[in-house]
Amino acid sequence: MEKYTVLLVDDEEEVIQAIMKKLEWEELGFSVTGYACNGVKALEMVEEYQPDVVVTDIKMPYMNGMELSQRIKAEFPTTKILIFTGFDEFEYAREAVHLEVEEYILKPVNSVELTNVFRQLKIKLDQEISEKRNVEILKKYYMESLPLLQSNFYTMLLEGQVRVEEVPRYLSDYQLSFDGPFFCCLVVHTSASQIPENMNSLLLSTSVQKQAEEHLGEKWRAKAFPYLENTVLIAQLRSVREMRELTDDCDRFCKYALHIIGAVVTVGIGQACKNIHDLSKSYGSARTAVSYRVIYGVSRAINMEENLPQETGVPASGNDIQLTSLFKMIRLGSKEDIEKAVEQYLDHASLQERSLQLYHVDIMELINALYRFAANHEITGKAFPDNMKVLYARLLDMDSDALKKWLTDICFFFYEELLDARNRSTKSFVSKAKEYVHNNYTDETLSLDGICQVLGVSNSYFSTIFKKKTGKSFVGYLTEYRMDQASRLLIETNDKSYVIARQVGYTDPNYFSYVFKRRFGVSPSRYRTEHTGSENGGEK
């Protein structure tokens, strides 16, 4: 049972002693913590002991009961106040209703009346304490469950289950801040087949999530949470131009995760969006980007917009899982994978075993799905005849083997078109990078960061593709081209080495000589002598 403390205040000590003796304090659930003979002393004791109840007379020296009550209510608003008052003071005391005094007790004090007052006061205090504790408990439970509530909200955003008008309420209730103004989903995939010793996949994924929060959370104001066996981060950007920097940061994180905790991590980066309500689209493209690790490799970041500029939509036939799997193999698999996917689709659909009416519907849906796939991937050419009715009628007349061959052939056609498109895309910016080097190799500030900024791609993606297409790193290619130009100038001109160094982008002639010798095995002056027989333009 709760026990509450009482402070008695009266300038007549015999009155206080009488009150203390008249009541069974323990039985009522109270204890007298002390008494004071004036308002000033009483206020000091209230500050020190903070009693639950103050029983005070009105007429006292130094500070009367009304003033004391005012001070207590101002400084300790939860303290209950009982006022002793004589008959002639009663109306005066009643006028002070703003003090929220619990009870006015007429003198002389009656023990029965006083006992009833404290019994009612005990019930009231118990109710208030119970309510407060319930609120505190609820607040505690709420704060403990807040991370889970926030994670559920993020999941609802990814699945497109939050209406636009509901977003502000969720943000307020879950104490979230999404200032943006742009947002981007990152899907962090941890390989379950390459796990360090003494580590299981669950612990590894947890470690990766924690490291991702530490390395990407603060800078990108990112919200991290687990979703469908991956870690998802919702990053916030001030400008779409920051996507390149975000991609590079994610790529560095992948390298860090492999080096420090031995985790093979791939980060898929979705398209930027201007409203958190559209995060489902960003998440979808991030998931697709992660799936391209079979083509571009793991332990790296894959930016959907950089790697797949030709894809403008998510191809899907709707509810047919087998058809969706077939499209995935066209994008990511080999021709053998495509053949298996075609067989699985036809076996699953069992087109020939259905009624004629349903068979006609299935063929129509197949044509529509293939047409959407081609349109979404900007595949042109002779994929379909001009008259779709002719194709529809032709497919209806095919037997199962002929239909299988036709579907396989068109899937192979899509596969080759996507492969060519990817090659054209990468060749295009590799060619642009080479051309830029040829036109700007004299610029001493030319660097990997610079060329990526010009091309509008991330360092990680550019470096991977450039090395794959040329067999050299960008810096290696730039250095080699500069040295080729330097060797030509040494033969064709009489310029000094330090002059030629500046002409090919080197401000330090000593470093230029070092790089030149590393490439050709001899110093610039020796190279000139060997190729021209002249020693003019020796090193300075």
Protein backbone atom coordinates (compact mmCIF):
# COMPACT_ATOMS: atom_id res chain seq x y z
CA MET A 1 0.00 0.00 0.00
CA GLU A 2 1.23 3.46 -0.89
CA LYS A 3 2.16 5.69 2.07
CA TYR A 4 2.05 9.44 1.66
CA THR A 5 3.86 12.12 3.68
CA VAL A 6 2.20 15.03 5.49
CA LEU A 7 3.61 18.35 6.69
CA LEU A 8 1.65 20.13 9.44
CA VAL A 9 1.85 23.92 9.68
CA ASP A 10 0.37 25.98 12.57
CA ASP A 11 1.77 28.65 14.83
CA GLU A 12 0.22 26.85 17.82
CA GLU A 13 2.25 23.73 18.55
CA GLU A 14 -0.48 22.27 20.80
CA VAL A 15 -2.82 22.26 17.81
CA ILE A 16 -0.25 20.33 15.78
CA GLN A 17 0.31 17.83 18.61
CA ALA A 18 -3.43 17.33 18.98
CA ILE A 19 -3.82 16.59 15.25
CA MET A 20 -0.89 14.17 15.30
CA LYS A 21 -2.48 12.24 18.18
CA LYS A 22 -6.08 12.28 16.92
CA LEU A 23 -5.47 10.31 13.71
CA GLU A 24 -4.31 6.77 13.04
CA TRP A 25 -1.84 7.91 10.39
CA GLU A 26 -0.41 4.48 9.55
CA GLU A 27 -3.86 2.99 9.14
CA LEU A 28 -4.89 5.84 6.85
CA GLY A 29 -1.75 5.39 4.70
CA PHE A 30 0.03 8.57 5.78
CA SER A 31 3.00 9.55 7.91
CA VAL A 32 3.85 12.96 9.37
CA THR A 33 7.21 13.99 7.98
CA GLY A 34 7.41 17.07 10.25
CA TYR A 35 5.77 20.29 11.33
CA ALA A 36 6.44 24.03 11.17
CA CYS A 37 5.19 26.96 13.19
CA ASN A 38 5.20 29.56 10.40
CA GLY A 39 4.95 29.82 6.65
CA VAL A 40 8.62 30.61 6.02
CA LYS A 41 9.82 27.54 7.90
CA ALA A 42 7.12 25.45 6.23
CA LEU A 43 8.28 26.50 2.76
CA GLU A 44 11.84 25.51 3.61
CA MET A 45 10.62 22.09 4.75
CA VAL A 46 8.50 21.67 1.61
CA GLU A 47 11.56 22.36 -0.53
CA GLU A 48 13.60 19.85 1.49
CA TYR A 49 11.09 17.00 1.97
CA GLN A 50 8.56 17.65 -0.82
CA PRO A 51 5.63 16.17 1.14
CA ASP A 52 2.55 14.86 -0.63
CA VAL A 53 0.19 16.86 1.62
CA VAL A 54 0.52 20.16 3.48
CA VAL A 55 -2.02 20.96 6.23
CA THR A 56 -1.78 24.65 7.14
CA ASP A 57 -3.44 27.29 9.25
CA ILE A 58 -4.19 30.67 7.68
CA LYS A 59 -3.12 33.09 10.40
CA MET A 60 0.61 32.72 10.98
CA PRO A 61 3.58 35.09 11.43
CA TYR A 62 6.04 35.95 8.64
CA MET A 63 4.00 34.19 5.93
CA ASN A 64 0.32 33.33 6.27
CA GLY A 65 -1.29 30.16 5.01
CA MET A 66 -2.72 31.73 1.87
CA GLU A 67 0.66 33.02 0.73
CA LEU A 68 2.27 29.71 1.64
CA SER A 69 -0.34 27.88 -0.43
CA GLN A 70 0.32 30.16 -3.39
CA ARG A 71 4.06 29.49 -3.22
CA ILE A 72 3.58 25.75 -2.88
CA LYS A 73 1.18 25.56 -5.83
CA ALA A 74 3.54 27.63 -7.97
CA GLU A 75 6.65 25.60 -7.13
CA PHE A 76 5.24 22.16 -6.26
CA PRO A 77 1.93 21.91 -8.15
CA THR A 78 1.31 18.23 -7.31
CA THR A 79 1.31 18.86 -3.55
CA LYS A 80 -2.14 18.67 -1.97
CA ILE A 81 -3.15 21.46 0.44
CA LEU A 82 -5.62 21.35 3.33
CA ILE A 83 -6.42 24.65 5.07
CA PHE A 84 -7.48 25.07 8.69
CA THR A 85 -9.73 28.05 9.05
CA GLY A 86 -11.87 29.67 11.71
CA PHE A 87 -15.52 30.46 10.98
CA ASP A 88 -14.73 34.15 10.48
CA GLU A 89 -12.01 33.30 7.95
CA PHE A 90 -14.02 30.73 5.99
CA GLU A 91 -15.47 33.02 3.32
CA TYR A 92 -12.10 34.67 2.84
CA ALA A 93 -10.47 31.30 2.33
CA ARG A 94 -13.21 30.16 -0.05
CA GLU A 95 -12.53 33.13 -2.28
CA ALA A 96 -9.08 31.71 -3.01
CA VAL A 97 -10.50 28.97 -5.23
CA HIS A 98 -7.70 29.51 -7.75
CA LEU A 99 -5.35 27.87 -5.25
CA GLU A 100 -7.04 24.52 -5.92
CA VAL A 101 -7.12 23.74 -2.20
CA GLU A 102 -8.35 20.20 -1.51
CA GLU A 103 -10.37 21.00 1.59
CA TYR A 104 -11.19 23.78 4.06
CA ILE A 105 -11.43 22.39 7.59
CA LEU A 106 -13.21 24.49 10.22
CA LYS A 107 -11.69 24.83 13.64
CA PRO A 108 -11.88 23.30 16.15
CA VAL A 109 -10.66 20.21 14.37
CA ASN A 110 -12.91 17.15 14.60
CA SER A 111 -11.04 13.83 14.45
CA VAL A 112 -13.89 12.02 12.64
CA GLU A 113 -14.14 14.73 9.99
CA LEU A 114 -10.38 14.88 9.60
CA THR A 115 -10.16 11.09 9.27
CA ASN A 116 -12.79 11.16 6.49
CA VAL A 117 -10.91 13.95 4.72
CA PHE A 118 -7.68 11.95 4.70
CA ARG A 119 -9.44 8.77 3.60
CA GLN A 120 -10.88 10.59 0.58
CA LEU A 121 -7.53 12.24 -0.04
CA LYS A 122 -5.82 8.82 0.03
CA ILE A 123 -8.20 7.50 -2.62
CA LYS A 124 -7.53 10.53 -4.81
CA LEU A 125 -3.76 10.27 -4.41
CA ASP A 126 -3.84 6.55 -5.22
CA GLN A 127 -5.82 7.21 -8.38
CA GLU A 128 -3.47 9.98 -9.52
CA ILE A 129 -0.38 7.88 -8.83
CA SER A 130 -1.89 4.94 -10.69
CA GLU A 131 -2.73 7.10 -13.69
CA LYS A 132 0.70 8.67 -13.74
CA ARG A 133 2.42 5.34 -13.47
CA ASN A 134 0.27 3.90 -16.22
CA VAL A 135 1.18 6.82 -18.47
CA GLU A 136 4.85 6.39 -17.62
CA ILE A 137 4.67 2.68 -18.28
CA LEU A 138 2.96 3.31 -21.60
CA LYS A 139 5.59 5.88 -22.51
CA LYS A 140 8.32 3.42 -21.58
CA TYR A 141 6.74 0.66 -23.66
CA TYR A 142 6.26 3.09 -26.52
CA MET A 143 9.89 4.23 -26.48
CA GLU A 144 11.08 0.63 -26.27
CA SER A 145 8.94 -0.36 -29.24
CA LEU A 146 9.68 2.81 -31.25
CA PRO A 147 12.55 1.27 -33.31
CA LEU A 148 10.24 -1.59 -34.34
CA LEU A 149 7.42 0.81 -35.17
CA GLN A 150 9.81 2.89 -37.26
CA SER A 151 11.08 -0.21 -39.05
CA ASN A 152 7.51 -1.28 -39.82
CA PHE A 153 6.82 2.19 -41.22
CA TYR A 154 9.88 1.97 -43.48
CA THR A 155 8.66 -1.43 -44.70
CA MET A 156 5.22 0.00 -45.45
CA LEU A 157 6.89 2.77 -47.47
CA LEU A 158 8.86 0.25 -49.53
CA GLU A 159 5.73 -1.78 -50.18
CA GLY A 160 3.70 1.31 -51.13
CA GLN A 161 1.20 0.83 -48.30
CA VAL A 162 1.24 4.40 -46.94
CA ARG A 163 -1.15 6.97 -48.39
CA VAL A 164 0.26 10.43 -49.04
CA GLU A 165 -2.02 12.08 -46.51
CA GLU A 166 -0.93 9.61 -43.80
CA VAL A 167 2.78 10.38 -44.02
CA PRO A 168 2.84 13.47 -41.72
CA ARG A 169 1.02 11.58 -38.96
CA TYR A 170 3.42 8.64 -39.11
CA LEU A 171 6.43 10.97 -39.03
CA SER A 172 5.04 12.75 -35.97
CA ASP A 173 3.94 9.61 -34.09
CA TYR A 174 7.20 7.76 -34.75
CA GLN A 175 9.44 10.80 -34.11
CA LEU A 176 11.02 10.69 -37.57
CA SER A 177 12.62 13.39 -39.64
CA PHE A 178 12.76 13.14 -43.43
CA ASP A 179 14.05 16.51 -44.62
CA GLY A 180 15.37 15.33 -47.99
CA PRO A 181 14.63 17.00 -50.26
CA PHE A 182 15.61 13.89 -52.27
CA PHE A 183 15.59 10.26 -51.16
CA CYS A 184 17.22 7.07 -52.34
CA CYS A 185 16.99 3.42 -51.29
CA LEU A 186 20.14 1.38 -50.76
CA VAL A 187 19.87 -2.41 -50.63
CA VAL A 188 22.85 -3.91 -48.80
CA HIS A 189 23.20 -7.58 -49.73
CA THR A 190 25.53 -9.80 -47.70
CA SER A 191 26.61 -13.05 -49.33
CA ALA A 192 25.43 -16.06 -47.30
CA SER A 193 27.81 -18.41 -49.12
CA GLN A 194 31.03 -16.62 -48.18
CA ILE A 195 31.09 -16.33 -44.40
CA PRO A 196 34.21 -15.86 -42.23
CA GLU A 197 35.16 -18.58 -39.76
CA ASN A 198 33.46 -18.53 -36.33
CA MET A 199 30.62 -16.43 -37.75
CA ASN A 200 27.10 -17.38 -38.81
CA SER A 201 25.09 -15.60 -41.47
CA LEU A 202 22.73 -13.90 -39.00
CA LEU A 203 25.56 -12.40 -36.94
CA LEU A 204 27.36 -11.35 -40.12
CA SER A 205 24.27 -9.56 -41.47
CA THR A 206 23.79 -7.82 -38.11
CA SER A 207 27.42 -6.71 -38.15
CA VAL A 208 27.09 -5.42 -41.72
CA GLN A 209 23.98 -3.42 -40.79
CA LYS A 210 25.76 -1.83 -37.83
CA GLN A 211 28.80 -0.96 -39.95
CA ALA A 212 26.57 0.45 -42.69
CA GLU A 213 24.82 2.69 -40.15
CA GLU A 214 28.18 3.94 -38.85
CA HIS A 215 29.73 4.59 -42.27
CA LEU A 216 26.73 5.88 -44.19
CA GLY A 217 24.15 6.87 -41.58
CA GLU A 218 25.38 10.26 -40.41
CA LYS A 219 26.58 11.74 -43.69
CA TRP A 220 23.53 10.65 -45.68
CA ARG A 221 21.04 11.00 -42.80
CA ALA A 222 20.11 7.41 -43.54
CA LYS A 223 17.53 5.21 -41.83
CA ALA A 224 18.70 1.57 -41.68
CA PHE A 225 16.56 -1.51 -41.09
CA PRO A 226 16.48 -5.21 -42.06
CA TYR A 227 14.10 -6.23 -44.83
CA LEU A 228 13.78 -9.51 -46.74
CA GLU A 229 17.18 -10.86 -45.62
CA ASN A 230 18.97 -7.65 -46.64
CA THR A 231 19.73 -4.36 -44.93
CA VAL A 232 17.94 -1.39 -46.46
CA LEU A 233 19.01 2.22 -45.97
CA ILE A 234 16.87 5.20 -46.89
CA ALA A 235 19.41 7.91 -47.73
CA GLN A 236 18.59 11.61 -47.93
CA LEU A 237 20.22 13.85 -50.53
CA ARG A 238 20.30 17.61 -50.92
CA SER A 239 20.64 17.29 -54.68
CA VAL A 240 20.41 14.55 -57.31
CA ARG A 241 24.00 15.46 -58.20
CA GLU A 242 25.04 13.80 -54.92
CA MET A 243 24.15 10.37 -56.35
CA ARG A 244 27.67 9.96 -57.73
CA GLU A 245 29.22 10.72 -54.34
CA LEU A 246 26.75 8.38 -52.63
CA THR A 247 27.68 5.59 -55.03
CA ASP A 248 31.39 6.05 -54.32
CA ASP A 249 30.78 6.06 -50.55
CA CYS A 250 28.80 2.82 -50.88
CA ASP A 251 31.57 1.30 -52.99
CA ARG A 252 34.16 2.21 -50.34
CA PHE A 253 31.93 0.67 -47.70
CA CYS A 254 31.81 -2.63 -49.64
CA LYS A 255 35.62 -2.71 -49.73
CA TYR A 256 35.76 -1.83 -46.03
CA ALA A 257 33.30 -4.61 -45.09
CA LEU A 258 35.38 -7.18 -46.96
CA HIS A 259 38.65 -5.98 -45.43
CA ILE A 260 37.52 -5.53 -41.82
CA ILE A 261 34.87 -8.18 -41.17
CA GLY A 262 35.34 -10.45 -44.18
CA ALA A 263 31.81 -9.86 -45.49
CA VAL A 264 31.13 -10.00 -49.22
CA VAL A 265 28.75 -7.07 -49.55
CA THR A 266 27.04 -5.62 -52.61
CA VAL A 267 25.07 -2.38 -52.40
CA GLY A 268 22.30 -1.73 -54.92
CA ILE A 269 21.48 1.95 -55.34
CA GLY A 270 18.00 2.85 -56.51
CA GLN A 271 16.77 5.86 -58.40
CA ALA A 272 16.45 9.16 -56.53
CA CYS A 273 12.94 10.37 -55.75
CA LYS A 274 11.60 13.66 -54.42
CA ASN A 275 8.92 12.24 -52.11
CA ILE A 276 9.24 9.48 -49.53
CA HIS A 277 5.89 8.24 -50.78
CA ASP A 278 7.73 7.15 -53.96
CA LEU A 279 10.38 5.11 -52.12
CA SER A 280 8.79 1.89 -53.38
CA LYS A 281 10.05 2.77 -56.88
CA SER A 282 13.53 3.53 -55.57
CA TYR A 283 13.55 0.26 -53.65
CA GLY A 284 12.46 -1.71 -56.71
CA SER A 285 15.30 -0.31 -58.79
CA ALA A 286 17.79 -0.92 -55.95
CA ARG A 287 16.73 -4.57 -55.75
CA THR A 288 17.20 -4.89 -59.50
CA ALA A 289 20.63 -3.25 -59.24
CA VAL A 290 21.71 -5.79 -56.59
CA SER A 291 20.64 -8.66 -58.84
CA TYR A 292 23.13 -7.43 -61.45
CA ARG A 293 26.02 -8.53 -59.23
CA VAL A 294 26.10 -11.71 -61.32
CA ILE A 295 27.21 -9.53 -64.24
CA TYR A 296 29.23 -6.73 -62.61
CA GLY A 297 30.66 -8.61 -59.64
CA VAL A 298 30.33 -8.45 -55.85
CA SER A 299 31.97 -6.33 -53.14
CA ARG A 300 30.99 -3.16 -54.95
CA ALA A 301 28.18 -0.66 -55.34
CA ILE A 302 25.88 -0.92 -58.34
CA ASN A 303 23.94 2.20 -59.27
CA MET A 304 20.79 1.38 -61.20
CA GLU A 305 20.86 4.53 -63.30
CA GLU A 306 24.57 4.21 -64.16
CA ASN A 307 24.63 0.53 -64.99
CA LEU A 308 21.27 0.25 -66.69
CA PRO A 309 20.48 3.54 -68.40
CA GLN A 310 18.42 1.84 -71.07
CA GLU A 311 15.96 0.27 -68.66
CA THR A 312 12.99 2.55 -68.09
CA GLY A 313 10.57 0.28 -66.30
CA VAL A 314 10.16 -2.95 -64.38
CA PRO A 315 9.02 -5.66 -66.77
CA ALA A 316 6.62 -8.10 -65.30
CA SER A 317 3.62 -10.00 -66.54
CA GLY A 318 1.81 -9.56 -63.30
CA ASN A 319 1.12 -12.64 -61.25
CA ASP A 320 3.00 -15.26 -63.26
CA ILE A 321 6.15 -16.06 -61.29
CA GLN A 322 7.56 -18.29 -64.02
CA LEU A 323 7.28 -15.56 -66.64
CA THR A 324 8.93 -13.08 -64.31
CA SER A 325 11.74 -15.61 -63.80
CA LEU A 326 12.12 -15.92 -67.57
CA PHE A 327 12.53 -12.16 -67.93
CA LYS A 328 15.11 -12.19 -65.15
CA MET A 329 17.15 -14.81 -67.02
CA ILE A 330 17.01 -12.69 -70.18
CA ARG A 331 18.53 -9.81 -68.24
CA LEU A 332 20.98 -11.69 -66.06
CA GLY A 333 21.48 -15.26 -67.20
CA SER A 334 23.03 -17.17 -70.07
CA LYS A 335 21.33 -18.74 -73.08
CA GLU A 336 21.26 -22.07 -71.21
CA ASP A 337 19.46 -20.35 -68.34
CA ILE A 338 16.97 -18.87 -70.78
CA GLU A 339 16.23 -22.27 -72.33
CA LYS A 340 15.54 -23.75 -68.89
CA ALA A 341 13.33 -20.81 -67.96
CA VAL A 342 11.31 -21.21 -71.19
CA GLU A 343 10.77 -24.90 -70.40
CA GLN A 344 9.76 -24.11 -66.83
CA TYR A 345 7.32 -21.46 -67.98
CA LEU A 346 5.66 -23.71 -70.57
CA ASP A 347 5.57 -26.67 -68.17
CA HIS A 348 4.10 -24.55 -65.43
CA ALA A 349 1.55 -22.91 -67.70
CA SER A 350 0.56 -26.23 -69.33
CA LEU A 351 -0.92 -24.16 -72.11
CA GLN A 352 -2.03 -27.08 -74.29
CA GLU A 353 -3.90 -28.76 -71.42
CA ARG A 354 -6.25 -25.83 -70.77
CA SER A 355 -9.56 -25.11 -72.40
CA LEU A 356 -9.45 -23.46 -75.81
CA GLN A 357 -10.80 -20.20 -74.42
CA LEU A 358 -8.22 -20.06 -71.61
CA TYR A 359 -5.47 -21.04 -74.04
CA HIS A 360 -6.36 -18.02 -76.21
CA VAL A 361 -6.19 -15.77 -73.11
CA ASP A 362 -2.78 -17.22 -72.10
CA ILE A 363 -1.32 -16.60 -75.55
CA MET A 364 -2.63 -13.04 -75.53
CA GLU A 365 -1.11 -12.41 -72.08
CA LEU A 366 2.22 -13.88 -73.21
CA ILE A 367 2.35 -11.56 -76.23
CA ASN A 368 1.44 -8.56 -74.08
CA ALA A 369 4.13 -9.39 -71.50
CA LEU A 370 6.80 -9.83 -74.19
CA TYR A 371 5.74 -6.59 -75.84
CA ARG A 372 5.96 -4.69 -72.53
CA PHE A 373 9.39 -6.16 -71.84
CA ALA A 374 10.64 -5.00 -75.24
CA ALA A 375 9.13 -1.53 -74.77
CA ASN A 376 10.52 -1.10 -71.26
CA HIS A 377 14.01 -2.03 -72.45
CA GLU A 378 13.75 0.00 -75.64
CA ILE A 379 14.26 -3.08 -77.81
CA THR A 380 13.38 -2.27 -81.40
CA GLY A 381 13.80 -4.16 -84.63
CA LYS A 382 11.90 -7.17 -85.87
CA ALA A 383 10.84 -8.56 -82.52
CA PHE A 384 7.17 -8.33 -83.48
CA PRO A 385 5.33 -7.98 -86.77
CA ASP A 386 3.51 -4.76 -87.54
CA ASN A 387 0.19 -6.56 -87.36
CA MET A 388 -0.12 -8.14 -83.89
CA LYS A 389 -3.24 -10.01 -84.98
CA VAL A 390 -1.12 -11.97 -87.44
CA LEU A 391 1.26 -12.99 -84.65
CA TYR A 392 -1.62 -13.93 -82.37
CA ALA A 393 -3.22 -16.12 -85.03
CA ARG A 394 0.14 -17.66 -85.87
CA LEU A 395 0.83 -18.63 -82.24
CA LEU A 396 -2.61 -20.15 -81.84
CA ASP A 397 -1.81 -22.54 -84.73
CA MET A 398 1.53 -23.68 -83.26
CA ASP A 399 2.01 -27.00 -81.52
CA SER A 400 3.95 -27.12 -78.23
CA ASP A 401 7.37 -27.70 -79.86
CA ALA A 402 6.89 -24.85 -82.33
CA LEU A 403 5.70 -22.52 -79.57
CA LYS A 404 8.73 -23.45 -77.46
CA LYS A 405 11.10 -22.73 -80.36
CA TRP A 406 9.41 -19.39 -81.12
CA LEU A 407 9.52 -18.29 -77.47
CA THR A 408 13.15 -19.38 -77.12
CA ASP A 409 14.16 -17.54 -80.29
CA ILE A 410 12.51 -14.26 -79.26
CA CYS A 411 14.05 -14.53 -75.77
CA PHE A 412 17.47 -15.05 -77.37
CA PHE A 413 16.82 -12.00 -79.52
CA PHE A 414 16.01 -9.92 -76.42
CA TYR A 415 19.12 -11.29 -74.70
CA GLU A 416 21.39 -10.26 -77.59
CA GLU A 417 19.78 -6.83 -77.83
CA LEU A 418 20.31 -6.15 -74.11
CA LEU A 419 23.89 -7.41 -74.34
CA ASP A 420 24.58 -5.13 -77.31
CA ALA A 421 22.93 -2.20 -75.53
CA ARG A 422 25.11 -2.69 -72.45
CA ASN A 423 28.21 -2.95 -74.59
CA ARG A 424 27.26 0.18 -76.53
CA SER A 425 26.62 2.04 -73.29
CA THR A 426 29.98 1.12 -71.75
CA LYS A 427 31.89 1.59 -75.00
CA SER A 428 30.33 5.00 -75.37
CA PHE A 429 31.63 6.47 -72.15
CA VAL A 430 34.97 4.61 -72.39
CA SER A 431 35.41 6.22 -75.81
CA LYS A 432 34.39 9.59 -74.37
CA ALA A 433 36.94 9.15 -71.57
CA LYS A 434 39.71 8.36 -74.04
CA GLU A 435 38.76 11.32 -76.22
CA TYR A 436 38.77 13.57 -73.15
CA VAL A 437 42.27 12.38 -72.25
CA HIS A 438 43.51 13.05 -75.79
CA ASN A 439 42.16 16.60 -75.62
CA ASN A 440 43.10 17.44 -72.02
CA TYR A 441 46.21 15.40 -71.13
CA THR A 442 48.18 18.65 -70.72
CA ASP A 443 45.95 19.62 -67.78
CA GLU A 444 47.91 18.82 -64.62
CA THR A 445 44.68 18.58 -62.59
CA LEU A 446 43.15 15.84 -64.77
CA SER A 447 42.22 12.94 -62.47
CA LEU A 448 39.82 10.05 -61.97
CA ASP A 449 37.48 12.30 -59.99
CA GLY A 450 37.57 14.88 -62.75
CA ILE A 451 36.73 12.55 -65.60
CA CYS A 452 33.91 10.94 -63.57
CA GLN A 453 32.45 14.37 -62.88
CA VAL A 454 32.56 15.20 -66.59
CA LEU A 455 30.87 11.91 -67.51
CA GLY A 456 28.44 12.04 -64.57
CA VAL A 457 29.24 8.56 -63.26
CA SER A 458 30.66 7.26 -59.99
CA ASN A 459 34.34 6.43 -59.62
CA SER A 460 33.60 2.80 -58.77
CA TYR A 461 31.47 2.11 -61.83
CA PHE A 462 33.74 3.99 -64.21
CA SER A 463 36.90 2.30 -62.90
CA THR A 464 35.35 -1.16 -63.20
CA ILE A 465 34.13 -0.67 -66.76
CA PHE A 466 37.21 1.21 -67.99
CA LYS A 467 39.53 -1.51 -66.69
CA LYS A 468 37.30 -4.20 -68.19
CA LYS A 469 37.25 -2.58 -71.64
CA THR A 470 40.84 -1.32 -71.86
CA GLY A 471 42.78 -3.64 -69.56
CA LYS A 472 44.19 -0.56 -67.77
CA SER A 473 43.15 1.70 -64.94
CA PHE A 474 42.22 5.24 -65.94
CA VAL A 475 45.32 6.68 -64.26
CA GLY A 476 47.44 4.04 -65.98
CA TYR A 477 45.92 4.90 -69.36
CA LEU A 478 46.42 8.66 -68.76
CA THR A 479 50.03 8.16 -67.72
CA GLU A 480 50.76 5.94 -70.69
CA TYR A 481 49.23 8.44 -73.12
CA ARG A 482 51.21 11.31 -71.58
CA MET A 483 54.44 9.34 -71.86
CA ASP A 484 53.69 8.54 -75.51
CA GLN A 485 53.22 12.25 -76.18
CA ALA A 486 56.37 13.08 -74.25
CA SER A 487 58.42 10.58 -76.24
CA ARG A 488 57.09 12.10 -79.48
CA LEU A 489 57.99 15.64 -78.35
CA LEU A 490 61.49 14.50 -77.33
CA ILE A 491 62.07 13.23 -80.86
CA GLU A 492 60.26 15.94 -82.81
CA THR A 493 61.32 19.06 -80.85
CA ASN A 494 64.39 20.51 -79.17
CA ASP A 495 62.45 21.58 -76.07
CA LYS A 496 64.02 20.97 -72.68
CA SER A 497 62.70 18.11 -70.55
CA TYR A 498 61.11 20.45 -67.99
CA VAL A 499 59.25 22.22 -70.81
CA ILE A 500 57.99 18.93 -72.23
CA ALA A 501 57.02 17.86 -68.71
CA ARG A 502 54.69 20.85 -68.43
CA GLN A 503 53.35 20.21 -71.93
CA VAL A 504 52.17 16.72 -70.92
CA GLY A 505 50.71 17.67 -67.53
CA TYR A 506 53.62 17.41 -65.04
CA THR A 507 54.66 20.38 -62.92
CA ASP A 508 57.55 18.52 -61.28
CA PRO A 509 60.26 17.70 -63.88
CA ASN A 510 61.95 15.24 -61.52
CA TYR A 511 58.76 13.26 -61.12
CA PHE A 512 58.22 13.42 -64.89
CA SER A 513 61.69 11.93 -65.42
CA TYR A 514 60.95 9.20 -62.88
CA VAL A 515 57.69 8.23 -64.60
CA PHE A 516 59.30 8.39 -68.06
CA LYS A 517 62.18 6.15 -67.01
CA ARG A 518 59.77 3.69 -65.43
CA ARG A 519 57.90 3.47 -68.77
CA PHE A 520 60.82 3.41 -71.25
CA GLY A 521 63.68 2.21 -69.07
CA VAL A 522 65.84 5.29 -69.79
CA SER A 523 65.78 8.98 -68.86
CA PRO A 524 64.22 11.53 -71.26
CA SER A 525 67.65 12.84 -72.32
CA ARG A 526 68.98 9.34 -72.96
CA TYR A 527 65.82 8.50 -74.90
CA ARG A 528 66.32 11.57 -77.12
CA THR A 529 69.97 10.67 -77.71
CA GLU A 530 69.15 7.09 -78.62
CA HIS A 531 66.45 8.12 -81.07
CA THR A 532 67.93 11.27 -82.62
CA GLY A 533 71.63 11.19 -81.85
CA SER A 534 71.25 14.66 -80.34
CA GLU A 535 71.86 15.59 -76.70
CA ASN A 536 70.05 18.95 -76.90
CA GLY A 537 67.29 19.35 -74.37
CA GLY A 538 69.04 17.38 -71.62
CA GLU A 539 67.47 17.18 -68.18
CA LYS A 540 67.62 20.21 -65.95
